Amino acid sequence: MVSMIIRCTLWVVVIACMYYMSDQIVQLENRIEVLEAESAAMYEDIKTLNNAIQLVIEFVGERFKFAT
């Protein structure tokens, strides 16, 4: 009888741990999706900034050509 109670208790603990871990995995997956979206947005911002810097470099280069 006591061993049956212990087995049932252990199964309840195992199931509770599995439920907790699955919830944690779902939260991690959601966080990964958010980070991927933020990363994509940052990539686009960096690309835009790089294009702007290239335009500034070209503009300054042309100004110095005319100044000499």
PDB file of N, CA and C in Angstrom:
ATOM      1  N   MET A   1       0.824  -1.198   0.000  1.00  0.00           N
ATOM      2  CA  MET A   1       0.000   0.000   0.000  1.00  0.00           C
ATOM      3  C   MET A   1       0.865   1.258   0.000  1.00  0.00           C
ATOM      4  N   VAL A   2       1.886   1.278   0.868  1.00  0.00           N
ATOM      5  CA  VAL A   2       2.766   2.453   0.941  1.00  0.00           C
ATOM      6  C   VAL A   2       3.528   2.624  -0.365  1.00  0.00           C
ATOM      7  N   SER A   3       3.989   1.502  -0.928  1.00  0.00           N
ATOM      8  CA  SER A   3       4.737   1.601  -2.188  1.00  0.00           C
ATOM      9  C   SER A   3       3.838   2.119  -3.315  1.00  0.00           C
ATOM     10  N   MET A   4       2.580   1.778  -3.287  1.00  0.00           N
ATOM     11  CA  MET A   4       1.643   2.271  -4.302  1.00  0.00           C
ATOM     12  C   MET A   4       1.467   3.782  -4.174  1.00  0.00           C
ATOM     13  N   ILE A   5       1.376   4.271  -2.964  1.00  0.00           N
ATOM     14  CA  ILE A   5       1.263   5.719  -2.732  1.00  0.00           C
ATOM     15  C   ILE A   5       2.528   6.420  -3.207  1.00  0.00           C
ATOM     16  N   ILE A   6       3.680   5.825  -2.927  1.00  0.00           N
ATOM     17  CA  ILE A   6       4.947   6.421  -3.357  1.00  0.00           C
ATOM     18  C   ILE A   6       5.028   6.440  -4.876  1.00  0.00           C
ATOM     19  N   ARG A   7       4.651   5.358  -5.539  1.00  0.00           N
ATOM     20  CA  ARG A   7       4.660   5.313  -7.005  1.00  0.00           C
ATOM     21  C   ARG A   7       3.734   6.370  -7.597  1.00  0.00           C
ATOM     22  N   CYS A   8       2.550   6.465  -7.055  1.00  0.00           N
ATOM     23  CA  CYS A   8       1.593   7.470  -7.553  1.00  0.00           C
ATOM     24  C   CYS A   8       2.143   8.884  -7.353  1.00  0.00           C
ATOM     25  N   THR A   9       2.737   9.121  -6.203  1.00  0.00           N
ATOM     26  CA  THR A   9       3.320  10.435  -5.913  1.00  0.00           C
ATOM     27  C   THR A   9       4.449  10.738  -6.893  1.00  0.00           C
ATOM     28  N   LEU A  10       5.290   9.750  -7.158  1.00  0.00           N
ATOM     29  CA  LEU A  10       6.388   9.957  -8.102  1.00  0.00           C
ATOM     30  C   LEU A  10       5.867  10.232  -9.507  1.00  0.00           C
ATOM     31  N   TRP A  11       4.822   9.526  -9.910  1.00  0.00           N
ATOM     32  CA  TRP A  11       4.245   9.783 -11.224  1.00  0.00           C
ATOM     33  C   TRP A  11       3.662  11.189 -11.310  1.00  0.00           C
ATOM     34  N   VAL A  12       3.021  11.624 -10.254  1.00  0.00           N
ATOM     35  CA  VAL A  12       2.476  12.988 -10.237  1.00  0.00           C
ATOM     36  C   VAL A  12       3.611  14.004 -10.349  1.00  0.00           C
ATOM     37  N   VAL A  13       4.703  13.763  -9.638  1.00  0.00           N
ATOM     38  CA  VAL A  13       5.863  14.659  -9.698  1.00  0.00           C
ATOM     39  C   VAL A  13       6.450  14.662 -11.111  1.00  0.00           C
ATOM     40  N   VAL A  14       6.595  13.499 -11.710  1.00  0.00           N
ATOM     41  CA  VAL A  14       7.141  13.401 -13.067  1.00  0.00           C
ATOM     42  C   VAL A  14       6.251  14.138 -14.058  1.00  0.00           C
ATOM     43  N   ILE A  15       4.961  13.930 -13.969  1.00  0.00           N
ATOM     44  CA  ILE A  15       4.030  14.610 -14.886  1.00  0.00           C
ATOM     45  C   ILE A  15       4.068  16.119 -14.677  1.00  0.00           C
ATOM     46  N   ALA A  16       4.133  16.554 -13.434  1.00  0.00           N
ATOM     47  CA  ALA A  16       4.205  17.992 -13.149  1.00  0.00           C
ATOM     48  C   ALA A  16       5.494  18.582 -13.714  1.00  0.00           C
ATOM     49  N   CYS A  17       6.593  17.867 -13.585  1.00  0.00           N
ATOM     50  CA  CYS A  17       7.876  18.345 -14.128  1.00  0.00           C
ATOM     51  C   CYS A  17       7.828  18.421 -15.648  1.00  0.00           C
ATOM     52  N   MET A  18       7.223  17.420 -16.269  1.00  0.00           N
ATOM     53  CA  MET A  18       7.108  17.428 -17.724  1.00  0.00           C
ATOM     54  C   MET A  18       6.248  18.603 -18.196  1.00  0.00           C
ATOM     55  N   TYR A  19       5.161  18.858 -17.494  1.00  0.00           N
ATOM     56  CA  TYR A  19       4.293  19.988 -17.845  1.00  0.00           C
ATOM     57  C   TYR A  19       5.059  21.302 -17.694  1.00  0.00           C
ATOM     58  N   TYR A  20       5.785  21.445 -16.591  1.00  0.00           N
ATOM     59  CA  TYR A  20       6.567  22.663 -16.345  1.00  0.00           C
ATOM     60  C   TYR A  20       7.619  22.848 -17.437  1.00  0.00           C
ATOM     61  N   MET A  21       8.318  21.780 -17.781  1.00  0.00           N
ATOM     62  CA  MET A  21       9.372  21.875 -18.790  1.00  0.00           C
ATOM     63  C   MET A  21       8.781  22.194 -20.163  1.00  0.00           C
ATOM     64  N   SER A  22       7.647  21.619 -20.497  1.00  0.00           N
ATOM     65  CA  SER A  22       7.041  21.919 -21.793  1.00  0.00           C
ATOM     66  C   SER A  22       6.619  23.385 -21.850  1.00  0.00           C
ATOM     67  N   ASP A  23       6.134  23.918 -20.752  1.00  0.00           N
ATOM     68  CA  ASP A  23       5.779  25.333 -20.695  1.00  0.00           C
ATOM     69  C   ASP A  23       7.021  26.203 -20.870  1.00  0.00           C
ATOM     70  N   GLN A  24       8.116  25.813 -20.239  1.00  0.00           N
ATOM     71  CA  GLN A  24       9.369  26.560 -20.377  1.00  0.00           C
ATOM     72  C   GLN A  24       9.871  26.511 -21.823  1.00  0.00           C
ATOM     73  N   ILE A  25       9.740  25.369 -22.471  1.00  0.00           N
ATOM     74  CA  ILE A  25      10.177  25.235 -23.865  1.00  0.00           C
ATOM     75  C   ILE A  25       9.352  26.138 -24.769  1.00  0.00           C
ATOM     76  N   VAL A  26       8.056  26.194 -24.542  1.00  0.00           N
ATOM     77  CA  VAL A  26       7.189  27.069 -25.346  1.00  0.00           C
ATOM     78  C   VAL A  26       7.594  28.526 -25.148  1.00  0.00           C
ATOM     79  N   GLN A  27       7.868  28.919 -23.921  1.00  0.00           N
ATOM     80  CA  GLN A  27       8.296  30.289 -23.657  1.00  0.00           C
ATOM     81  C   GLN A  27       9.616  30.592 -24.347  1.00  0.00           C
ATOM     82  N   LEU A  28      10.549  29.645 -24.338  1.00  0.00           N
ATOM     83  CA  LEU A  28      11.829  29.842 -25.023  1.00  0.00           C
ATOM     84  C   LEU A  28      11.642  29.953 -26.530  1.00  0.00           C
ATOM     85  N   GLU A  29      10.770  29.122 -27.090  1.00  0.00           N
ATOM     86  CA  GLU A  29      10.499  29.203 -28.519  1.00  0.00           C
ATOM     87  C   GLU A  29       9.906  30.558 -28.885  1.00  0.00           C
ATOM     88  N   ASN A  30       9.005  31.059 -28.065  1.00  0.00           N
ATOM     89  CA  ASN A  30       8.420  32.377 -28.322  1.00  0.00           C
ATOM     90  C   ASN A  30       9.478  33.464 -28.245  1.00  0.00           C
ATOM     91  N   ARG A  31      10.367  33.354 -27.269  1.00  0.00           N
ATOM     92  CA  ARG A  31      11.438  34.350 -27.130  1.00  0.00           C
ATOM     93  C   ARG A  31      12.380  34.306 -28.324  1.00  0.00           C
ATOM     94  N   ILE A  32      12.660  33.096 -28.820  1.00  0.00           N
ATOM     95  CA  ILE A  32      13.524  32.966 -29.996  1.00  0.00           C
ATOM     96  C   ILE A  32      12.887  33.643 -31.202  1.00  0.00           C
ATOM     97  N   GLU A  33      11.577  33.458 -31.379  1.00  0.00           N
ATOM     98  CA  GLU A  33      10.880  34.106 -32.491  1.00  0.00           C
ATOM     99  C   GLU A  33      10.967  35.626 -32.387  1.00  0.00           C
ATOM    100  N   VAL A  34      10.815  36.145 -31.173  1.00  0.00           N
ATOM    101  CA  VAL A  34      10.906  37.596 -30.968  1.00  0.00           C
ATOM    102  C   VAL A  34      12.319  38.078 -31.305  1.00  0.00           C
ATOM    103  N   LEU A  35      13.327  37.350 -30.832  1.00  0.00           N
ATOM    104  CA  LEU A  35      14.714  37.738 -31.107  1.00  0.00           C
ATOM    105  C   LEU A  35      15.033  37.676 -32.602  1.00  0.00           C
ATOM    106  N   GLU A  36      14.499  36.681 -33.294  1.00  0.00           N
ATOM    107  CA  GLU A  36      14.714  36.593 -34.742  1.00  0.00           C
ATOM    108  C   GLU A  36      14.088  37.792 -35.456  1.00  0.00           C
ATOM    109  N   ALA A  37      12.908  38.185 -35.031  1.00  0.00           N
ATOM    110  CA  ALA A  37      12.246  39.347 -35.637  1.00  0.00           C
ATOM    111  C   ALA A  37      13.035  40.625 -35.362  1.00  0.00           C
ATOM    112  N   GLU A  38      13.514  40.780 -34.135  1.00  0.00           N
ATOM    113  CA  GLU A  38      14.321  41.949 -33.796  1.00  0.00           C
ATOM    114  C   GLU A  38      15.621  41.955 -34.594  1.00  0.00           C
ATOM    115  N   SER A  39      16.212  40.794 -34.767  1.00  0.00           N
ATOM    116  CA  SER A  39      17.451  40.681 -35.527  1.00  0.00           C
ATOM    117  C   SER A  39      17.241  41.087 -36.982  1.00  0.00           C
ATOM    118  N   ALA A  40      16.138  40.647 -37.562  1.00  0.00           N
ATOM    119  CA  ALA A  40      15.831  41.010 -38.946  1.00  0.00           C
ATOM    120  C   ALA A  40      15.632  42.517 -39.076  1.00  0.00           C
ATOM    121  N   ALA A  41      14.951  43.111 -38.120  1.00  0.00           N
ATOM    122  CA  ALA A  41      14.729  44.557 -38.145  1.00  0.00           C
ATOM    123  C   ALA A  41      16.051  45.302 -37.995  1.00  0.00           C
ATOM    124  N   MET A  42      16.908  44.822 -37.107  1.00  0.00           N
ATOM    125  CA  MET A  42      18.219  45.456 -36.927  1.00  0.00           C
ATOM    126  C   MET A  42      19.060  45.326 -38.195  1.00  0.00           C
ATOM    127  N   TYR A  43      18.974  44.186 -38.867  1.00  0.00           N
ATOM    128  CA  TYR A  43      19.716  43.991 -40.108  1.00  0.00           C
ATOM    129  C   TYR A  43      19.287  45.029 -41.141  1.00  0.00           C
ATOM    130  N   GLU A  44      17.980  45.239 -41.263  1.00  0.00           N
ATOM    131  CA  GLU A  44      17.488  46.235 -42.215  1.00  0.00           C
ATOM    132  C   GLU A  44      17.951  47.641 -41.838  1.00  0.00           C
ATOM    133  N   ASP A  45      17.944  47.954 -40.536  1.00  0.00           N
ATOM    134  CA  ASP A  45      18.420  49.263 -40.084  1.00  0.00           C
ATOM    135  C   ASP A  45      19.906  49.450 -40.403  1.00  0.00           C
ATOM    136  N   ILE A  46      20.694  48.418 -40.194  1.00  0.00           N
ATOM    137  CA  ILE A  46      22.132  48.486 -40.482  1.00  0.00           C
ATOM    138  C   ILE A  46      22.361  48.654 -41.977  1.00  0.00           C
ATOM    139  N   LYS A  47      21.561  47.948 -42.775  1.00  0.00           N
ATOM    140  CA  LYS A  47      21.676  48.070 -44.231  1.00  0.00           C
ATOM    141  C   LYS A  47      21.365  49.507 -44.671  1.00  0.00           C
ATOM    142  N   THR A  48      20.318  50.087 -44.107  1.00  0.00           N
ATOM    143  CA  THR A  48      19.950  51.463 -44.435  1.00  0.00           C
ATOM    144  C   THR A  48      21.041  52.434 -44.003  1.00  0.00           C
ATOM    145  N   LEU A  49      21.567  52.232 -42.797  1.00  0.00           N
ATOM    146  CA  LEU A  49      22.637  53.087 -42.305  1.00  0.00           C
ATOM    147  C   LEU A  49      23.877  52.964 -43.183  1.00  0.00           C
ATOM    148  N   ASN A  50      24.199  51.758 -43.613  1.00  0.00           N
ATOM    149  CA  ASN A  50      25.350  51.556 -44.484  1.00  0.00           C
ATOM    150  C   ASN A  50      25.175  52.299 -45.806  1.00  0.00           C
ATOM    151  N   ASN A  51      23.961  52.237 -46.371  1.00  0.00           N
ATOM    152  CA  ASN A  51      23.690  52.970 -47.607  1.00  0.00           C
ATOM    153  C   ASN A  51      23.833  54.474 -47.402  1.00  0.00           C
ATOM    154  N   ALA A  52      23.356  54.967 -46.282  1.00  0.00           N
ATOM    155  CA  ALA A  52      23.470  56.402 -45.995  1.00  0.00           C
ATOM    156  C   ALA A  52      24.935  56.807 -45.851  1.00  0.00           C
ATOM    157  N   ILE A  53      25.727  55.991 -45.177  1.00  0.00           N
ATOM    158  CA  ILE A  53      27.155  56.305 -45.014  1.00  0.00           C
ATOM    159  C   ILE A  53      27.850  56.306 -46.372  1.00  0.00           C
ATOM    160  N   GLN A  54      27.493  55.356 -47.235  1.00  0.00           N
ATOM    161  CA  GLN A  54      28.088  55.323 -48.575  1.00  0.00           C
ATOM    162  C   GLN A  54      27.749  56.599 -49.346  1.00  0.00           C
ATOM    163  N   LEU A  55      26.507  57.076 -49.226  1.00  0.00           N
ATOM    164  CA  LEU A  55      26.127  58.318 -49.900  1.00  0.00           C
ATOM    165  C   LEU A  55      26.908  59.505 -49.359  1.00  0.00           C
ATOM    166  N   VAL A  56      27.096  59.562 -48.049  1.00  0.00           N
ATOM    167  CA  VAL A  56      27.861  60.654 -47.444  1.00  0.00           C
ATOM    168  C   VAL A  56      29.307  60.602 -47.933  1.00  0.00           C
ATOM    169  N   ILE A  57      29.897  59.413 -47.976  1.00  0.00           N
ATOM    170  CA  ILE A  57      31.288  59.272 -48.441  1.00  0.00           C
ATOM    171  C   ILE A  57      31.403  59.727 -49.894  1.00  0.00           C
ATOM    172  N   GLU A  58      30.455  59.322 -50.735  1.00  0.00           N
ATOM    173  CA  GLU A  58      30.476  59.752 -52.140  1.00  0.00           C
ATOM    174  C   GLU A  58      30.326  61.263 -52.249  1.00  0.00           C
ATOM    175  N   PHE A  59      29.417  61.830 -51.460  1.00  0.00           N
ATOM    176  CA  PHE A  59      29.191  63.274 -51.499  1.00  0.00           C
ATOM    177  C   PHE A  59      30.447  64.034 -51.076  1.00  0.00           C
ATOM    178  N   VAL A  60      31.056  63.619 -49.979  1.00  0.00           N
ATOM    179  CA  VAL A  60      32.272  64.299 -49.498  1.00  0.00           C
ATOM    180  C   VAL A  60      33.400  64.121 -50.499  1.00  0.00           C
ATOM    181  N   GLY A  61      33.526  62.922 -51.071  1.00  0.00           N
ATOM    182  CA  GLY A  61      34.559  62.681 -52.081  1.00  0.00           C
ATOM    183  C   GLY A  61      34.395  63.591 -53.287  1.00  0.00           C
ATOM    184  N   GLU A  62      33.166  63.796 -53.744  1.00  0.00           N
ATOM    185  CA  GLU A  62      32.919  64.671 -54.899  1.00  0.00           C
ATOM    186  C   GLU A  62      33.208  66.123 -54.533  1.00  0.00           C
ATOM    187  N   ARG A  63      32.883  66.529 -53.317  1.00  0.00           N
ATOM    188  CA  ARG A  63      33.156  67.915 -52.886  1.00  0.00           C
ATOM    189  C   ARG A  63      34.658  68.177 -52.863  1.00  0.00           C
ATOM    190  N   PHE A  64      35.441  67.214 -52.402  1.00  0.00           N
ATOM    191  CA  PHE A  64      36.876  67.403 -52.341  1.00  0.00           C
ATOM    192  C   PHE A  64      37.498  67.378 -53.729  1.00  0.00           C
ATOM    193  N   LYS A  65      36.909  66.655 -54.673  1.00  0.00           N
ATOM    194  CA  LYS A  65      37.406  66.647 -56.043  1.00  0.00           C
ATOM    195  C   LYS A  65      37.256  68.035 -56.666  1.00  0.00           C
ATOM    196  N   PHE A  66      36.094  68.652 -56.423  1.00  0.00           N
ATOM    197  CA  PHE A  66      35.861  69.971 -57.003  1.00  0.00           C
ATOM    198  C   PHE A  66      36.688  71.040 -56.295  1.00  0.00           C
ATOM    199  N   ALA A  67      37.044  70.814 -55.043  1.00  0.00           N
ATOM    200  CA  ALA A  67      37.798  71.809 -54.281  1.00  0.00           C
ATOM    201  C   ALA A  67      39.263  71.843 -54.704  1.00  0.00           C
ATOM    202  N   THR A  68      39.779  70.753 -55.257  1.00  0.00           N
ATOM    203  CA  THR A  68      41.192  70.732 -55.642  1.00  0.00           C
ATOM    204  C   THR A  68      41.424  71.215 -57.039  1.00  0.00           C
TER     205      THR A  68
END
